[in-house]
Amino acid sequence: MVEIPIDQLEMLPPEYQQPYQQLKQRVEDLQETLIRSTDFSTLKIAIAALQTFFQTEIWNLSLQNLDPNLEHQVQSINVEIDKQLRLLNMDGLFLQAARQENTVKQRKQQASDRLLLLIQYCNGLLGRQ
C-alpha cells in the first residue's frame, strides 16, 4: 500500500469538498450495510454503485485550479481510492463466495478495514484528521 501523508495534506478549497463529502457519506452507508447485511449480493451492488459514483463525480473532477502541489497530492489519493475501491469489489466477491462462518468474518473485517481507510482518505482531503 502506498503511504500518503494525510496529516500533511492541505485542505481542499470548498468548491472541491462536496464530492468528497458525498463519497465519505456513501462509504459510511456501505459500512453500515456491511455490518447489518447477510445478503452479500446487495453489498456487491452497493460497492458497484460506490465505484460508479467515484468514477463519475470525482475521478473526472478537474484539479487544474489547485496549487500544483495540492493537485499532485489529490491525484495520488484519487489513485489510491480507486485502487481500494477495486480491491473492495474483490472483497465483496470473496465474501459472496465464502461459506464458512470464520471465512465470512475474516472477509467482512477485511472489507471493513478497507472502508475505514477510504474514510481516512476523505477526512484527509476534507481537513478532518
Protein backbone atom coordinates (compact mmCIF):
# COMPACT_ATOMS: atom_id res chain seq x y z
CA MET A 1 0.00 0.00 0.00
CA VAL A 2 1.25 3.48 -0.87
CA GLU A 3 1.76 5.64 2.19
CA ILE A 4 0.16 9.02 1.67
CA PRO A 5 0.86 11.59 4.40
CA ILE A 6 -2.76 12.53 5.01
CA ASP A 7 -1.85 14.57 8.09
CA GLN A 8 0.34 16.81 5.91
CA LEU A 9 -2.28 17.34 3.22
CA GLU A 10 -3.64 20.81 2.62
CA MET A 11 -7.39 21.10 2.94
CA LEU A 12 -9.25 21.24 -0.35
CA PRO A 13 -10.98 24.52 -1.23
CA PRO A 14 -14.75 24.46 -0.52
CA GLU A 15 -15.74 24.06 -4.17
CA TYR A 16 -13.88 20.72 -4.26
CA GLN A 17 -15.13 19.38 -0.94
CA GLN A 18 -18.71 18.41 -1.80
CA PRO A 19 -17.91 15.33 -3.93
CA TYR A 20 -15.53 14.01 -1.27
CA GLN A 21 -18.11 14.64 1.45
CA GLN A 22 -20.63 12.68 -0.61
CA LEU A 23 -18.09 9.89 -1.16
CA LYS A 24 -17.43 9.74 2.57
CA GLN A 25 -21.16 9.52 3.31
CA ARG A 26 -21.58 6.73 0.77
CA VAL A 27 -18.65 4.83 2.28
CA GLU A 28 -20.16 5.22 5.76
CA ASP A 29 -23.51 3.97 4.42
CA LEU A 30 -21.74 0.99 2.87
CA GLN A 31 -20.03 0.34 6.19
CA GLU A 32 -23.46 0.15 7.85
CA THR A 33 -24.68 -2.20 5.11
CA LEU A 34 -21.64 -4.42 5.67
CA ILE A 35 -22.36 -4.60 9.39
CA ARG A 36 -26.10 -5.29 9.03
CA SER A 37 -26.34 -7.34 5.87
CA THR A 38 -26.18 -11.04 5.34
CA ASP A 39 -27.26 -10.62 1.72
CA PHE A 40 -23.89 -10.19 0.07
CA SER A 41 -25.37 -9.68 -3.39
CA THR A 42 -26.87 -6.41 -2.06
CA LEU A 43 -23.45 -5.49 -0.75
CA LYS A 44 -21.90 -6.18 -4.15
CA ILE A 45 -24.44 -3.85 -5.79
CA ALA A 46 -23.68 -1.13 -3.22
CA ILE A 47 -19.94 -1.47 -3.88
CA ALA A 48 -20.53 -1.14 -7.64
CA ALA A 49 -22.64 1.99 -7.03
CA LEU A 50 -19.83 3.46 -4.91
CA GLN A 51 -17.30 2.77 -7.67
CA THR A 52 -19.59 4.37 -10.25
CA PHE A 53 -20.02 7.46 -8.07
CA PHE A 54 -16.25 7.79 -7.68
CA GLN A 55 -15.64 7.34 -11.40
CA THR A 56 -18.27 9.86 -12.49
CA GLU A 57 -18.14 12.50 -9.75
CA ILE A 58 -14.54 12.51 -8.55
CA TRP A 59 -12.20 10.76 -10.97
CA ASN A 60 -13.10 13.21 -13.74
CA LEU A 61 -13.04 16.27 -11.46
CA SER A 62 -10.74 18.92 -12.89
CA LEU A 63 -7.99 19.79 -10.44
CA GLN A 64 -6.23 22.34 -12.65
CA ASN A 65 -7.26 25.30 -10.48
CA LEU A 66 -5.49 23.88 -7.44
CA ASP A 67 -1.99 24.66 -6.31
CA PRO A 68 0.27 22.21 -8.24
CA ASN A 69 1.49 20.55 -5.03
CA LEU A 70 -2.06 20.04 -3.76
CA GLU A 71 -3.16 18.87 -7.22
CA HIS A 72 -0.46 16.19 -7.15
CA GLN A 73 -1.47 15.08 -3.64
CA VAL A 74 -5.15 14.87 -4.58
CA GLN A 75 -4.33 12.91 -7.73
CA SER A 76 -2.23 10.49 -5.68
CA ILE A 77 -5.05 9.99 -3.19
CA ASN A 78 -7.57 9.55 -6.00
CA VAL A 79 -5.39 6.79 -7.48
CA GLU A 80 -5.24 5.13 -4.07
CA ILE A 81 -9.03 5.49 -3.57
CA ASP A 82 -9.61 3.92 -6.99
CA LYS A 83 -7.31 1.03 -6.09
CA GLN A 84 -9.02 0.48 -2.74
CA LEU A 85 -12.44 0.51 -4.41
CA ARG A 86 -11.32 -2.14 -6.89
CA LEU A 87 -9.95 -4.23 -4.02
CA LEU A 88 -13.20 -3.69 -2.12
CA ASN A 89 -15.03 -5.09 -5.12
CA MET A 90 -12.85 -8.19 -4.90
CA ASP A 91 -13.57 -8.38 -1.15
CA GLY A 92 -17.26 -8.36 -2.00
CA LEU A 93 -16.82 -11.20 -4.48
CA PHE A 94 -14.84 -13.26 -1.98
CA LEU A 95 -17.39 -12.52 0.73
CA GLN A 96 -20.22 -13.64 -1.53
CA ALA A 97 -18.35 -16.89 -2.22
CA ALA A 98 -17.44 -17.56 1.43
CA ARG A 99 -19.29 -20.46 3.03
CA GLN A 100 -17.56 -20.96 6.36
CA GLU A 101 -18.53 -18.62 9.19
CA ASN A 102 -14.88 -17.92 10.04
CA THR A 103 -14.12 -17.02 6.42
CA VAL A 104 -17.16 -14.72 6.26
CA LYS A 105 -15.97 -12.98 9.44
CA GLN A 106 -12.45 -12.54 8.01
CA ARG A 107 -13.74 -11.17 4.70
CA LYS A 108 -16.10 -8.76 6.46
CA GLN A 109 -13.22 -7.49 8.59
CA GLN A 110 -11.03 -7.03 5.54
CA ALA A 111 -13.77 -5.05 3.77
CA SER A 112 -14.41 -3.02 6.92
CA ASP A 113 -10.73 -2.12 7.21
CA ARG A 114 -10.73 -1.00 3.58
CA LEU A 115 -13.81 1.17 4.18
CA LEU A 116 -12.12 2.78 7.19
CA LEU A 117 -9.11 3.57 5.02
CA LEU A 118 -11.38 5.21 2.43
CA ILE A 119 -12.96 7.32 5.19
CA GLN A 120 -9.48 8.38 6.32
CA TYR A 121 -8.63 9.49 2.78
CA CYS A 122 -11.83 11.53 2.59
CA ASN A 123 -11.21 13.05 6.01
CA GLY A 124 -7.68 14.00 4.97
CA LEU A 125 -8.97 15.75 1.87
CA LEU A 126 -11.70 17.46 3.88
CA GLY A 127 -9.23 18.67 6.51
CA ARG A 128 -10.51 16.37 9.27
CA GLN A 129 -7.94 14.15 10.89
